[in-house]
PDB file of N, CA and C in Angstrom:
ATOM      1  N   MET A   1     121.897  85.896 101.637  1.00  0.00           N
ATOM      2  CA  MET A   1     121.093  87.100 101.534  1.00  0.00           C
ATOM      3  C   MET A   1     121.938  88.151 100.823  1.00  0.00           C
ATOM      4  N   SER A   2     121.319  88.864  99.904  1.00  0.00           N
ATOM      5  CA  SER A   2     122.020  89.949  99.225  1.00  0.00           C
ATOM      6  C   SER A   2     121.276  91.245  99.473  1.00  0.00           C
ATOM      7  N   GLU A   3     121.988  92.340  99.377  1.00  0.00           N
ATOM      8  CA  GLU A   3     121.354  93.638  99.581  1.00  0.00           C
ATOM      9  C   GLU A   3     121.859  94.608  98.536  1.00  0.00           C
ATOM     10  N   LEU A   4     121.066  95.615  98.313  1.00  0.00           N
ATOM     11  CA  LEU A   4     121.394  96.669  97.373  1.00  0.00           C
ATOM     12  C   LEU A   4     121.501  97.949  98.178  1.00  0.00           C
ATOM     13  N   THR A   5     122.622  98.631  98.075  1.00  0.00           N
ATOM     14  CA  THR A   5     122.771  99.883  98.806  1.00  0.00           C
ATOM     15  C   THR A   5     123.229 100.974  97.848  1.00  0.00           C
ATOM     16  N   TYR A   6     122.907 102.208  98.177  1.00  0.00           N
ATOM     17  CA  TYR A   6     123.291 103.364  97.385  1.00  0.00           C
ATOM     18  C   TYR A   6     124.045 104.330  98.273  1.00  0.00           C
ATOM     19  N   ALA A   7     124.954 105.069  97.681  1.00  0.00           N
ATOM     20  CA  ALA A   7     125.740 106.029  98.450  1.00  0.00           C
ATOM     21  C   ALA A   7     124.855 107.059  99.132  1.00  0.00           C
ATOM     22  N   GLU A   8     123.726 107.434  98.499  1.00  0.00           N
ATOM     23  CA  GLU A   8     122.885 108.480  99.086  1.00  0.00           C
ATOM     24  C   GLU A   8     121.948 107.970 100.175  1.00  0.00           C
ATOM     25  N   ALA A   9     121.909 106.658 100.407  1.00  0.00           N
ATOM     26  CA  ALA A   9     121.018 106.113 101.435  1.00  0.00           C
ATOM     27  C   ALA A   9     121.515 106.522 102.818  1.00  0.00           C
ATOM     28  N   PRO A  10     120.630 107.120 103.631  1.00  0.00           N
ATOM     29  CA  PRO A  10     121.056 107.515 104.975  1.00  0.00           C
ATOM     30  C   PRO A  10     121.348 106.286 105.828  1.00  0.00           C
ATOM     31  N   HIS A  11     122.482 106.290 106.473  1.00  0.00           N
ATOM     32  CA  HIS A  11     122.899 105.171 107.312  1.00  0.00           C
ATOM     33  C   HIS A  11     122.005 105.095 108.535  1.00  0.00           C
ATOM     34  N   PRO A  12     121.558 103.972 108.993  1.00  0.00           N
ATOM     35  CA  PRO A  12     121.803 102.602 108.531  1.00  0.00           C
ATOM     36  C   PRO A  12     120.703 102.064 107.620  1.00  0.00           C
ATOM     37  N   TYR A  13     120.256 102.830 106.687  1.00  0.00           N
ATOM     38  CA  TYR A  13     119.142 102.497 105.810  1.00  0.00           C
ATOM     39  C   TYR A  13     119.611 101.622 104.650  1.00  0.00           C
ATOM     40  N   THR A  14     118.980 100.475 104.465  1.00  0.00           N
ATOM     41  CA  THR A  14     119.253  99.600 103.332  1.00  0.00           C
ATOM     42  C   THR A  14     118.037  99.625 102.417  1.00  0.00           C
ATOM     43  N   PRO A  15     118.159 100.124 101.203  1.00  0.00           N
ATOM     44  CA  PRO A  15     116.994 100.257 100.324  1.00  0.00           C
ATOM     45  C   PRO A  15     116.289  98.951  99.994  1.00  0.00           C
ATOM     46  N   ALA A  16     117.043  97.870  99.777  1.00  0.00           N
ATOM     47  CA  ALA A  16     116.412  96.602  99.415  1.00  0.00           C
ATOM     48  C   ALA A  16     117.307  95.444  99.812  1.00  0.00           C
ATOM     49  N   VAL A  17     116.667  94.346 100.205  1.00  0.00           N
ATOM     50  CA  VAL A  17     117.380  93.140 100.604  1.00  0.00           C
ATOM     51  C   VAL A  17     116.666  91.942 100.005  1.00  0.00           C
ATOM     52  N   ALA A  18     117.446  91.015  99.442  1.00  0.00           N
ATOM     53  CA  ALA A  18     116.885  89.761  98.942  1.00  0.00           C
ATOM     54  C   ALA A  18     117.193  88.666  99.947  1.00  0.00           C
ATOM     55  N   ALA A  19     116.185  87.839 100.207  1.00  0.00           N
ATOM     56  CA  ALA A  19     116.344  86.675 101.078  1.00  0.00           C
ATOM     57  C   ALA A  19     115.610  85.521 100.399  1.00  0.00           C
ATOM     58  N   GLY A  20     116.370  84.611  99.819  1.00  0.00           N
ATOM     59  CA  GLY A  20     115.742  83.518  99.091  1.00  0.00           C
ATOM     60  C   GLY A  20     114.969  84.051  97.902  1.00  0.00           C
ATOM     61  N   ASP A  21     113.705  83.658  97.793  1.00  0.00           N
ATOM     62  CA  ASP A  21     112.848  84.043  96.674  1.00  0.00           C
ATOM     63  C   ASP A  21     112.260  85.446  96.843  1.00  0.00           C
ATOM     64  N   LEU A  22     112.434  86.046  98.014  1.00  0.00           N
ATOM     65  CA  LEU A  22     111.781  87.323  98.304  1.00  0.00           C
ATOM     66  C   LEU A  22     112.749  88.503  98.254  1.00  0.00           C
ATOM     67  N   VAL A  23     112.227  89.642  97.827  1.00  0.00           N
ATOM     68  CA  VAL A  23     112.969  90.901  97.871  1.00  0.00           C
ATOM     69  C   VAL A  23     112.139  91.878  98.692  1.00  0.00           C
ATOM     70  N   PHE A  24     112.745  92.419  99.724  1.00  0.00           N
ATOM     71  CA  PHE A  24     112.100  93.368 100.629  1.00  0.00           C
ATOM     72  C   PHE A  24     112.615  94.768 100.295  1.00  0.00           C
ATOM     73  N   VAL A  25     111.712  95.637  99.890  1.00  0.00           N
ATOM     74  CA  VAL A  25     112.087  97.016  99.575  1.00  0.00           C
ATOM     75  C   VAL A  25     111.652  97.892 100.741  1.00  0.00           C
ATOM     76  N   SER A  26     112.613  98.587 101.321  1.00  0.00           N
ATOM     77  CA  SER A  26     112.327  99.488 102.438  1.00  0.00           C
ATOM     78  C   SER A  26     111.387 100.595 101.995  1.00  0.00           C
ATOM     79  N   GLY A  27     110.767 101.247 102.963  1.00  0.00           N
ATOM     80  CA  GLY A  27     109.812 102.308 102.668  1.00  0.00           C
ATOM     81  C   GLY A  27     110.372 103.352 101.718  1.00  0.00           C
ATOM     82  N   ARG A  28     109.610 103.637 100.677  1.00  0.00           N
ATOM     83  CA  ARG A  28     110.001 104.627  99.680  1.00  0.00           C
ATOM     84  C   ARG A  28     109.086 105.833  99.801  1.00  0.00           C
ATOM     85  N   LEU A  29     109.680 106.991  99.726  1.00  0.00           N
ATOM     86  CA  LEU A  29     108.944 108.256  99.765  1.00  0.00           C
ATOM     87  C   LEU A  29     108.779 108.793  98.346  1.00  0.00           C
ATOM     88  N   GLY A  30     107.951 109.793  98.197  1.00  0.00           N
ATOM     89  CA  GLY A  30     107.724 110.422  96.898  1.00  0.00           C
ATOM     90  C   GLY A  30     108.766 111.467  96.573  1.00  0.00           C
ATOM     91  N   VAL A  31     110.020 111.058  96.568  1.00  0.00           N
ATOM     92  CA  VAL A  31     111.154 111.956  96.378  1.00  0.00           C
ATOM     93  C   VAL A  31     111.824 111.667  95.037  1.00  0.00           C
ATOM     94  N   LYS A  32     112.170 112.722  94.322  1.00  0.00           N
ATOM     95  CA  LYS A  32     112.943 112.598  93.085  1.00  0.00           C
ATOM     96  C   LYS A  32     114.034 113.652  93.120  1.00  0.00           C
ATOM     97  N   ASP A  33     115.247 113.235  92.830  1.00  0.00           N
ATOM     98  CA  ASP A  33     116.398 114.150  92.850  1.00  0.00           C
ATOM     99  C   ASP A  33     116.523 114.869  94.189  1.00  0.00           C
ATOM    100  N   GLY A  34     116.210 114.153  95.273  1.00  0.00           N
ATOM    101  CA  GLY A  34     116.415 114.678  96.615  1.00  0.00           C
ATOM    102  C   GLY A  34     115.329 115.569  97.171  1.00  0.00           C
ATOM    103  N   VAL A  35     114.246 115.792  96.413  1.00  0.00           N
ATOM    104  CA  VAL A  35     113.148 116.627  96.910  1.00  0.00           C
ATOM    105  C   VAL A  35     111.810 115.944  96.628  1.00  0.00           C
ATOM    106  N   PHE A  36     110.817 116.260  97.457  1.00  0.00           N
ATOM    107  CA  PHE A  36     109.486 115.717  97.225  1.00  0.00           C
ATOM    108  C   PHE A  36     108.929 116.260  95.918  1.00  0.00           C
ATOM    109  N   VAL A  37     108.278 115.385  95.162  1.00  0.00           N
ATOM    110  CA  VAL A  37     107.650 115.829  93.917  1.00  0.00           C
ATOM    111  C   VAL A  37     106.466 116.722  94.241  1.00  0.00           C
ATOM    112  N   GLU A  38     106.155 117.616  93.334  1.00  0.00           N
ATOM    113  CA  GLU A  38     105.000 118.499  93.502  1.00  0.00           C
ATOM    114  C   GLU A  38     103.746 117.782  93.026  1.00  0.00           C
ATOM    115  N   GLY A  39     102.605 118.185  93.567  1.00  0.00           N
ATOM    116  CA  GLY A  39     101.341 117.608  93.126  1.00  0.00           C
ATOM    117  C   GLY A  39     100.592 116.873  94.209  1.00  0.00           C
ATOM    118  N   GLY A  40     101.100 116.916  95.442  1.00  0.00           N
ATOM    119  CA  GLY A  40     100.378 116.320  96.556  1.00  0.00           C
ATOM    120  C   GLY A  40     100.533 114.814  96.669  1.00  0.00           C
ATOM    121  N   VAL A  41      99.618 114.221  97.412  1.00  0.00           N
ATOM    122  CA  VAL A  41      99.706 112.803  97.757  1.00  0.00           C
ATOM    123  C   VAL A  41      99.672 111.902  96.524  1.00  0.00           C
ATOM    124  N   GLU A  42      98.849 112.235  95.561  1.00  0.00           N
ATOM    125  CA  GLU A  42      98.761 111.395  94.365  1.00  0.00           C
ATOM    126  C   GLU A  42     100.113 111.344  93.644  1.00  0.00           C
ATOM    127  N   ALA A  43     100.745 112.482  93.485  1.00  0.00           N
ATOM    128  CA  ALA A  43     102.055 112.539  92.839  1.00  0.00           C
ATOM    129  C   ALA A  43     103.123 111.864  93.694  1.00  0.00           C
ATOM    130  N   GLU A  44     103.069 112.073  95.015  1.00  0.00           N
ATOM    131  CA  GLU A  44     104.040 111.424  95.901  1.00  0.00           C
ATOM    132  C   GLU A  44     103.886 109.907  95.858  1.00  0.00           C
ATOM    133  N   THR A  45     102.654 109.426  95.796  1.00  0.00           N
ATOM    134  CA  THR A  45     102.416 107.984  95.722  1.00  0.00           C
ATOM    135  C   THR A  45     102.995 107.415  94.434  1.00  0.00           C
ATOM    136  N   ALA A  46     102.721 108.068  93.317  1.00  0.00           N
ATOM    137  CA  ALA A  46     103.256 107.610  92.035  1.00  0.00           C
ATOM    138  C   ALA A  46     104.779 107.575  92.064  1.00  0.00           C
ATOM    139  N   GLN A  47     105.404 108.603  92.649  1.00  0.00           N
ATOM    140  CA  GLN A  47     106.858 108.647  92.706  1.00  0.00           C
ATOM    141  C   GLN A  47     107.405 107.593  93.656  1.00  0.00           C
ATOM    142  N   ALA A  48     106.746 107.386  94.790  1.00  0.00           N
ATOM    143  CA  ALA A  48     107.187 106.351  95.730  1.00  0.00           C
ATOM    144  C   ALA A  48     107.169 104.981  95.059  1.00  0.00           C
ATOM    145  N   LEU A  49     106.123 104.697  94.289  1.00  0.00           N
ATOM    146  CA  LEU A  49     106.051 103.419  93.572  1.00  0.00           C
ATOM    147  C   LEU A  49     107.115 103.335  92.483  1.00  0.00           C
ATOM    148  N   SER A  50     107.386 104.438  91.817  1.00  0.00           N
ATOM    149  CA  SER A  50     108.454 104.470  90.823  1.00  0.00           C
ATOM    150  C   SER A  50     109.806 104.198  91.482  1.00  0.00           C
ATOM    151  N   ASN A  51     110.011 104.776  92.653  1.00  0.00           N
ATOM    152  CA  ASN A  51     111.253 104.541  93.390  1.00  0.00           C
ATOM    153  C   ASN A  51     111.367 103.082  93.821  1.00  0.00           C
ATOM    154  N   ALA A  52     110.261 102.495  94.261  1.00  0.00           N
ATOM    155  CA  ALA A  52     110.267 101.079  94.636  1.00  0.00           C
ATOM    156  C   ALA A  52     110.568 100.212  93.422  1.00  0.00           C
ATOM    157  N   ALA A  53     109.985 100.559  92.281  1.00  0.00           N
ATOM    158  CA  ALA A  53     110.233  99.804  91.047  1.00  0.00           C
ATOM    159  C   ALA A  53     111.713  99.855  90.673  1.00  0.00           C
ATOM    160  N   ARG A  54     112.347 100.991  90.909  1.00  0.00           N
ATOM    161  CA  ARG A  54     113.781 101.126  90.631  1.00  0.00           C
ATOM    162  C   ARG A  54     114.592 100.140  91.477  1.00  0.00           C
ATOM    163  N   GLU A  55     114.209  99.999  92.732  1.00  0.00           N
ATOM    164  CA  GLU A  55     114.905  99.043  93.599  1.00  0.00           C
ATOM    165  C   GLU A  55     114.719  97.622  93.074  1.00  0.00           C
ATOM    166  N   LEU A  56     113.496  97.302  92.655  1.00  0.00           N
ATOM    167  CA  LEU A  56     113.218  95.959  92.137  1.00  0.00           C
ATOM    168  C   LEU A  56     114.014  95.664  90.875  1.00  0.00           C
ATOM    169  N   GLU A  57     114.168  96.659  90.009  1.00  0.00           N
ATOM    170  CA  GLU A  57     114.903  96.473  88.756  1.00  0.00           C
ATOM    171  C   GLU A  57     116.323  95.993  89.007  1.00  0.00           C
ATOM    172  N   ALA A  58     116.930  96.428  90.094  1.00  0.00           N
ATOM    173  CA  ALA A  58     118.288  96.005  90.421  1.00  0.00           C
ATOM    174  C   ALA A  58     118.361  94.506  90.695  1.00  0.00           C
ATOM    175  N   PHE A  59     117.213  93.898  90.999  1.00  0.00           N
ATOM    176  CA  PHE A  59     117.137  92.461  91.240  1.00  0.00           C
ATOM    177  C   PHE A  59     116.496  91.730  90.056  1.00  0.00           C
ATOM    178  N   GLY A  60     116.292  92.440  88.951  1.00  0.00           N
ATOM    179  CA  GLY A  60     115.679  91.840  87.777  1.00  0.00           C
ATOM    180  C   GLY A  60     114.175  91.667  87.890  1.00  0.00           C
ATOM    181  N   LEU A  61     113.543  92.438  88.769  1.00  0.00           N
ATOM    182  CA  LEU A  61     112.104  92.328  89.007  1.00  0.00           C
ATOM    183  C   LEU A  61     111.404  93.628  88.642  1.00  0.00           C
ATOM    184  N   ASP A  62     110.066  93.591  88.640  1.00  0.00           N
ATOM    185  CA  ASP A  62     109.271  94.797  88.437  1.00  0.00           C
ATOM    186  C   ASP A  62     108.046  94.729  89.344  1.00  0.00           C
ATOM    187  N   LEU A  63     107.153  95.692  89.218  1.00  0.00           N
ATOM    188  CA  LEU A  63     105.997  95.756  90.121  1.00  0.00           C
ATOM    189  C   LEU A  63     105.064  94.556  89.984  1.00  0.00           C
ATOM    190  N   SER A  64     105.130  93.826  88.877  1.00  0.00           N
ATOM    191  CA  SER A  64     104.294  92.628  88.742  1.00  0.00           C
ATOM    192  C   SER A  64     104.744  91.505  89.674  1.00  0.00           C
ATOM    193  N   HIS A  65     105.926  91.638  90.257  1.00  0.00           N
ATOM    194  CA  HIS A  65     106.439  90.643  91.202  1.00  0.00           C
ATOM    195  C   HIS A  65     106.028  90.933  92.648  1.00  0.00           C
ATOM    196  N   VAL A  66     105.395  92.066  92.889  1.00  0.00           N
ATOM    197  CA  VAL A  66     105.036  92.459  94.257  1.00  0.00           C
ATOM    198  C   VAL A  66     103.926  91.555  94.782  1.00  0.00           C
ATOM    199  N   VAL A  67     104.138  91.010  95.991  1.00  0.00           N
ATOM    200  CA  VAL A  67     103.129  90.160  96.635  1.00  0.00           C
ATOM    201  C   VAL A  67     102.497  90.842  97.841  1.00  0.00           C
ATOM    202  N   LYS A  68     103.131  91.914  98.355  1.00  0.00           N
ATOM    203  CA  LYS A  68     102.593  92.628  99.517  1.00  0.00           C
ATOM    204  C   LYS A  68     103.067  94.070  99.467  1.00  0.00           C
ATOM    205  N   ALA A  69     102.145  94.985  99.663  1.00  0.00           N
ATOM    206  CA  ALA A  69     102.472  96.412  99.737  1.00  0.00           C
ATOM    207  C   ALA A  69     101.869  96.977 101.016  1.00  0.00           C
ATOM    208  N   THR A  70     102.614  97.838 101.665  1.00  0.00           N
ATOM    209  CA  THR A  70     102.097  98.557 102.826  1.00  0.00           C
ATOM    210  C   THR A  70     102.245 100.048 102.549  1.00  0.00           C
ATOM    211  N   ILE A  71     101.125 100.750 102.648  1.00  0.00           N
ATOM    212  CA  ILE A  71     101.105 102.193 102.430  1.00  0.00           C
ATOM    213  C   ILE A  71     100.926 102.877 103.777  1.00  0.00           C
ATOM    214  N   PHE A  72     101.796 103.834 104.057  1.00  0.00           N
ATOM    215  CA  PHE A  72     101.710 104.634 105.271  1.00  0.00           C
ATOM    216  C   PHE A  72     101.311 106.045 104.857  1.00  0.00           C
ATOM    217  N   LEU A  73     100.246 106.551 105.446  1.00  0.00           N
ATOM    218  CA  LEU A  73      99.757 107.891 105.121  1.00  0.00           C
ATOM    219  C   LEU A  73      99.818 108.797 106.345  1.00  0.00           C
ATOM    220  N   ALA A  74     100.310 110.008 106.157  1.00  0.00           N
ATOM    221  CA  ALA A  74     100.324 110.984 107.245  1.00  0.00           C
ATOM    222  C   ALA A  74      98.913 111.481 107.546  1.00  0.00           C
ATOM    223  N   ASP A  75      98.003 111.349 106.581  1.00  0.00           N
ATOM    224  CA  ASP A  75      96.608 111.762 106.763  1.00  0.00           C
ATOM    225  C   ASP A  75      95.715 110.753 106.048  1.00  0.00           C
ATOM    226  N   ILE A  76      94.933 109.995 106.795  1.00  0.00           N
ATOM    227  CA  ILE A  76      94.089 108.953 106.206  1.00  0.00           C
ATOM    228  C   ILE A  76      93.078 109.530 105.222  1.00  0.00           C
ATOM    229  N   ASP A  77      92.772 110.806 105.338  1.00  0.00           N
ATOM    230  CA  ASP A  77      91.865 111.443 104.378  1.00  0.00           C
ATOM    231  C   ASP A  77      92.452 111.480 102.966  1.00  0.00           C
ATOM    232  N   ASP A  78      93.746 111.203 102.838  1.00  0.00           N
ATOM    233  CA  ASP A  78      94.403 111.170 101.529  1.00  0.00           C
ATOM    234  C   ASP A  78      94.331 109.798 100.862  1.00  0.00           C
ATOM    235  N   LEU A  79      93.628 108.862 101.474  1.00  0.00           N
ATOM    236  CA  LEU A  79      93.598 107.489 100.962  1.00  0.00           C
ATOM    237  C   LEU A  79      93.122 107.412  99.515  1.00  0.00           C
ATOM    238  N   GLN A  80      92.068 108.098  99.167  1.00  0.00           N
ATOM    239  CA  GLN A  80      91.549 108.003  97.796  1.00  0.00           C
ATOM    240  C   GLN A  80      92.545 108.550  96.775  1.00  0.00           C
ATOM    241  N   LEU A  81      93.258 109.601  97.133  1.00  0.00           N
ATOM    242  CA  LEU A  81      94.282 110.138  96.231  1.00  0.00           C
ATOM    243  C   LEU A  81      95.417 109.135  96.045  1.00  0.00           C
ATOM    244  N   ALA A  82      95.847 108.530  97.142  1.00  0.00           N
ATOM    245  CA  ALA A  82      96.894 107.514  97.058  1.00  0.00           C
ATOM    246  C   ALA A  82      96.408 106.318  96.244  1.00  0.00           C
ATOM    247  N   ASN A  83      95.151 105.926  96.446  1.00  0.00           N
ATOM    248  CA  ASN A  83      94.592 104.790  95.705  1.00  0.00           C
ATOM    249  C   ASN A  83      94.613 105.024  94.201  1.00  0.00           C
ATOM    250  N   ARG A  84      94.325 106.231  93.766  1.00  0.00           N
ATOM    251  CA  ARG A  84      94.313 106.510  92.322  1.00  0.00           C
ATOM    252  C   ARG A  84      95.677 106.228  91.698  1.00  0.00           C
ATOM    253  N   ALA A  85      96.725 106.730  92.331  1.00  0.00           N
ATOM    254  CA  ALA A  85      98.073 106.502  91.803  1.00  0.00           C
ATOM    255  C   ALA A  85      98.455 105.032  91.908  1.00  0.00           C
ATOM    256  N   TYR A  86      98.088 104.401  93.012  1.00  0.00           N
ATOM    257  CA  TYR A  86      98.398 102.986  93.220  1.00  0.00           C
ATOM    258  C   TYR A  86      97.738 102.135  92.137  1.00  0.00           C
ATOM    259  N   MET A  87      96.464 102.384  91.857  1.00  0.00           N
ATOM    260  CA  MET A  87      95.731 101.595  90.867  1.00  0.00           C
ATOM    261  C   MET A  87      96.334 101.765  89.470  1.00  0.00           C
ATOM    262  N   ARG A  88      96.832 102.951  89.158  1.00  0.00           N
ATOM    263  CA  ARG A  88      97.470 103.173  87.851  1.00  0.00           C
ATOM    264  C   ARG A  88      98.799 102.431  87.743  1.00  0.00           C
ATOM    265  N   ALA A  89      99.553 102.397  88.831  1.00  0.00           N
ATOM    266  CA  ALA A  89     100.912 101.859  88.774  1.00  0.00           C
ATOM    267  C   ALA A  89     100.993 100.354  88.988  1.00  0.00           C
ATOM    268  N   MET A  90     100.124  99.811  89.825  1.00  0.00           N
ATOM    269  CA  MET A  90     100.255  98.409  90.223  1.00  0.00           C
ATOM    270  C   MET A  90      99.475  97.513  89.261  1.00  0.00           C
ATOM    271  N   PRO A  91     100.180  96.607  88.567  1.00  0.00           N
ATOM    272  CA  PRO A  91      99.508  95.753  87.589  1.00  0.00           C
ATOM    273  C   PRO A  91      98.635  94.682  88.245  1.00  0.00           C
ATOM    274  N   GLU A  92      97.671  94.199  87.472  1.00  0.00           N
ATOM    275  CA  GLU A  92      96.826  93.073  87.899  1.00  0.00           C
ATOM    276  C   GLU A  92      97.624  91.780  87.751  1.00  0.00           C
ATOM    277  N   PRO A  93      97.405  90.769  88.564  1.00  0.00           N
ATOM    278  CA  PRO A  93      96.597  90.838  89.770  1.00  0.00           C
ATOM    279  C   PRO A  93      97.358  91.606  90.847  1.00  0.00           C
ATOM    280  N   ARG A  94      96.672  92.509  91.495  1.00  0.00           N
ATOM    281  CA  ARG A  94      97.329  93.343  92.501  1.00  0.00           C
ATOM    282  C   ARG A  94      97.679  92.511  93.736  1.00  0.00           C
ATOM    283  N   PRO A  95      98.732  92.929  94.429  1.00  0.00           N
ATOM    284  CA  PRO A  95      99.177  92.189  95.611  1.00  0.00           C
ATOM    285  C   PRO A  95      98.291  92.446  96.828  1.00  0.00           C
ATOM    286  N   ALA A  96      98.515  91.661  97.861  1.00  0.00           N
ATOM    287  CA  ALA A  96      97.911  91.955  99.162  1.00  0.00           C
ATOM    288  C   ALA A  96      98.413  93.334  99.584  1.00  0.00           C
ATOM    289  N   ARG A  97      97.579  94.048 100.347  1.00  0.00           N
ATOM    290  CA  ARG A  97      97.960  95.417 100.697  1.00  0.00           C
ATOM    291  C   ARG A  97      97.382  95.813 102.040  1.00  0.00           C
ATOM    292  N   SER A  98      98.138  96.619 102.745  1.00  0.00           N
ATOM    293  CA  SER A  98      97.667  97.256 103.976  1.00  0.00           C
ATOM    294  C   SER A  98      97.869  98.749 103.831  1.00  0.00           C
ATOM    295  N   CYS A  99      97.049  99.507 104.543  1.00  0.00           N
ATOM    296  CA  CYS A  99      97.207 100.958 104.585  1.00  0.00           C
ATOM    297  C   CYS A  99      97.106 101.383 106.044  1.00  0.00           C
ATOM    298  N   VAL A 100      98.085 102.156 106.482  1.00  0.00           N
ATOM    299  CA  VAL A 100      98.171 102.543 107.877  1.00  0.00           C
ATOM    300  C   VAL A 100      98.302 104.060 107.976  1.00  0.00           C
ATOM    301  N   ALA A 101      97.478 104.673 108.810  1.00  0.00           N
ATOM    302  CA  ALA A 101      97.625 106.099 109.103  1.00  0.00           C
ATOM    303  C   ALA A 101      98.663 106.244 110.213  1.00  0.00           C
ATOM    304  N   VAL A 102      99.590 107.172 110.029  1.00  0.00           N
ATOM    305  CA  VAL A 102     100.661 107.383 110.997  1.00  0.00           C
ATOM    306  C   VAL A 102     100.687 108.848 111.431  1.00  0.00           C
ATOM    307  N   ALA A 103     101.331 109.104 112.554  1.00  0.00           N
ATOM    308  CA  ALA A 103     101.410 110.470 113.072  1.00  0.00           C
ATOM    309  C   ALA A 103     102.302 111.358 112.209  1.00  0.00           C
ATOM    310  N   ALA A 104     103.359 110.779 111.657  1.00  0.00           N
ATOM    311  CA  ALA A 104     104.291 111.550 110.833  1.00  0.00           C
ATOM    312  C   ALA A 104     105.140 110.590 110.018  1.00  0.00           C
ATOM    313  N   LEU A 105     105.689 111.101 108.928  1.00  0.00           N
ATOM    314  CA  LEU A 105     106.601 110.341 108.076  1.00  0.00           C
ATOM    315  C   LEU A 105     107.922 111.090 107.974  1.00  0.00           C
ATOM    316  N   PRO A 106     109.009 110.389 107.613  1.00  0.00           N
ATOM    317  CA  PRO A 106     110.309 111.039 107.527  1.00  0.00           C
ATOM    318  C   PRO A 106     110.303 112.252 106.598  1.00  0.00           C
ATOM    319  N   PHE A 107     110.985 113.274 107.021  1.00  0.00           N
ATOM    320  CA  PHE A 107     111.222 114.488 106.232  1.00  0.00           C
ATOM    321  C   PHE A 107     109.937 115.216 105.837  1.00  0.00           C
ATOM    322  N   GLY A 108     108.834 114.924 106.527  1.00  0.00           N
ATOM    323  CA  GLY A 108     107.574 115.590 106.230  1.00  0.00           C
ATOM    324  C   GLY A 108     106.807 115.002 105.065  1.00  0.00           C
ATOM    325  N   GLY A 109     107.175 113.793 104.652  1.00  0.00           N
ATOM    326  CA  GLY A 109     106.457 113.134 103.560  1.00  0.00           C
ATOM    327  C   GLY A 109     104.999 112.891 103.912  1.00  0.00           C
ATOM    328  N   ARG A 110     104.188 112.727 102.886  1.00  0.00           N
ATOM    329  CA  ARG A 110     102.761 112.472 103.097  1.00  0.00           C
ATOM    330  C   ARG A 110     102.408 111.013 102.859  1.00  0.00           C
ATOM    331  N   VAL A 111     103.266 110.285 102.140  1.00  0.00           N
ATOM    332  CA  VAL A 111     103.031 108.869 101.875  1.00  0.00           C
ATOM    333  C   VAL A 111     104.371 108.144 101.806  1.00  0.00           C
ATOM    334  N   GLU A 112     104.382 106.924 102.326  1.00  0.00           N
ATOM    335  CA  GLU A 112     105.550 106.052 102.240  1.00  0.00           C
ATOM    336  C   GLU A 112     105.029 104.665 101.914  1.00  0.00           C
ATOM    337  N   ILE A 113     105.737 103.949 101.058  1.00  0.00           N
ATOM    338  CA  ILE A 113     105.295 102.621 100.645  1.00  0.00           C
ATOM    339  C   ILE A 113     106.459 101.657 100.755  1.00  0.00           C
ATOM    340  N   ASP A 114     106.233 100.533 101.443  1.00  0.00           N
ATOM    341  CA  ASP A 114     107.221  99.460 101.394  1.00  0.00           C
ATOM    342  C   ASP A 114     106.573  98.249 100.740  1.00  0.00           C
ATOM    343  N   ILE A 115     107.403  97.446 100.105  1.00  0.00           N
ATOM    344  CA  ILE A 115     106.874  96.301  99.368  1.00  0.00           C
ATOM    345  C   ILE A 115     107.716  95.059  99.597  1.00  0.00           C
ATOM    346  N   ILE A 116     107.069  93.935  99.362  1.00  0.00           N
ATOM    347  CA  ILE A 116     107.730  92.635  99.327  1.00  0.00           C
ATOM    348  C   ILE A 116     107.420  92.046  97.960  1.00  0.00           C
ATOM    349  N   ALA A 117     108.455  91.595  97.279  1.00  0.00           N
ATOM    350  CA  ALA A 117     108.283  90.994  95.960  1.00  0.00           C
ATOM    351  C   ALA A 117     108.829  89.572  95.977  1.00  0.00           C
ATOM    352  N   SER A 118     108.306  88.761  95.089  1.00  0.00           N
ATOM    353  CA  SER A 118     108.757  87.384  94.927  1.00  0.00           C
ATOM    354  C   SER A 118     109.430  87.256  93.569  1.00  0.00           C
ATOM    355  N   ARG A 119     110.522  86.520  93.528  1.00  0.00           N
ATOM    356  CA  ARG A 119     111.226  86.333  92.257  1.00  0.00           C
ATOM    357  C   ARG A 119     110.348  85.609  91.235  1.00  0.00           C
ATOM    358  N   SER A 120     109.388  84.829  91.702  1.00  0.00           N
ATOM    359  CA  SER A 120     108.396  84.251  90.793  1.00  0.00           C
ATOM    360  C   SER A 120     107.189  85.174  90.819  1.00  0.00           C
ATOM    361  N   ARG A 121     106.650  85.496  89.663  1.00  0.00           N
ATOM    362  CA  ARG A 121     105.512  86.420  89.590  1.00  0.00           C
ATOM    363  C   ARG A 121     104.309  85.810  90.275  1.00  0.00           C
ATOM    364  N   HIS A 122     103.608  86.611  91.070  1.00  0.00           N
ATOM    365  CA  HIS A 122     102.374  86.090  91.648  1.00  0.00           C
ATOM    366  C   HIS A 122     101.308  86.140  90.567  1.00  0.00           C
ATOM    367  N   GLY A 123     100.397  85.206  90.621  1.00  0.00           N
ATOM    368  CA  GLY A 123      99.365  85.117  89.606  1.00  0.00           C
ATOM    369  C   GLY A 123      99.738  84.162  88.480  1.00  0.00           C
ATOM    370  N   ASP A 124     101.003  83.707  88.438  1.00  0.00           N
ATOM    371  CA  ASP A 124     101.414  82.735  87.407  1.00  0.00           C
ATOM    372  C   ASP A 124     101.074  81.330  87.846  1.00  0.00           C
TER     373      ASP A 124
END
């Protein structure tokens, strides 16, 4: 098993871990340069997916390798906004997905996304 860690990752947080053919990316928030991006849930979702893609790149993968995504929303009423950004970012065929409403997210985030990717592209 291999893992990717960054100096800025809060301990004991591991951003991504590879196990065999799979890469597990820990929940990503809509943060850039240490602060939440402006523009609400849609912008946070786009940034969270961009952050997840960055983790995948370290393993030679991209969002087309994602086989499962889980979206956590602080407010389920934001689902359509999150969906818009998700549909723009996630290539076809889209992976299996779950969406869960939660009481709160770290640091006051409005959306968090974790993903599982396969080293072989799904849909091939």
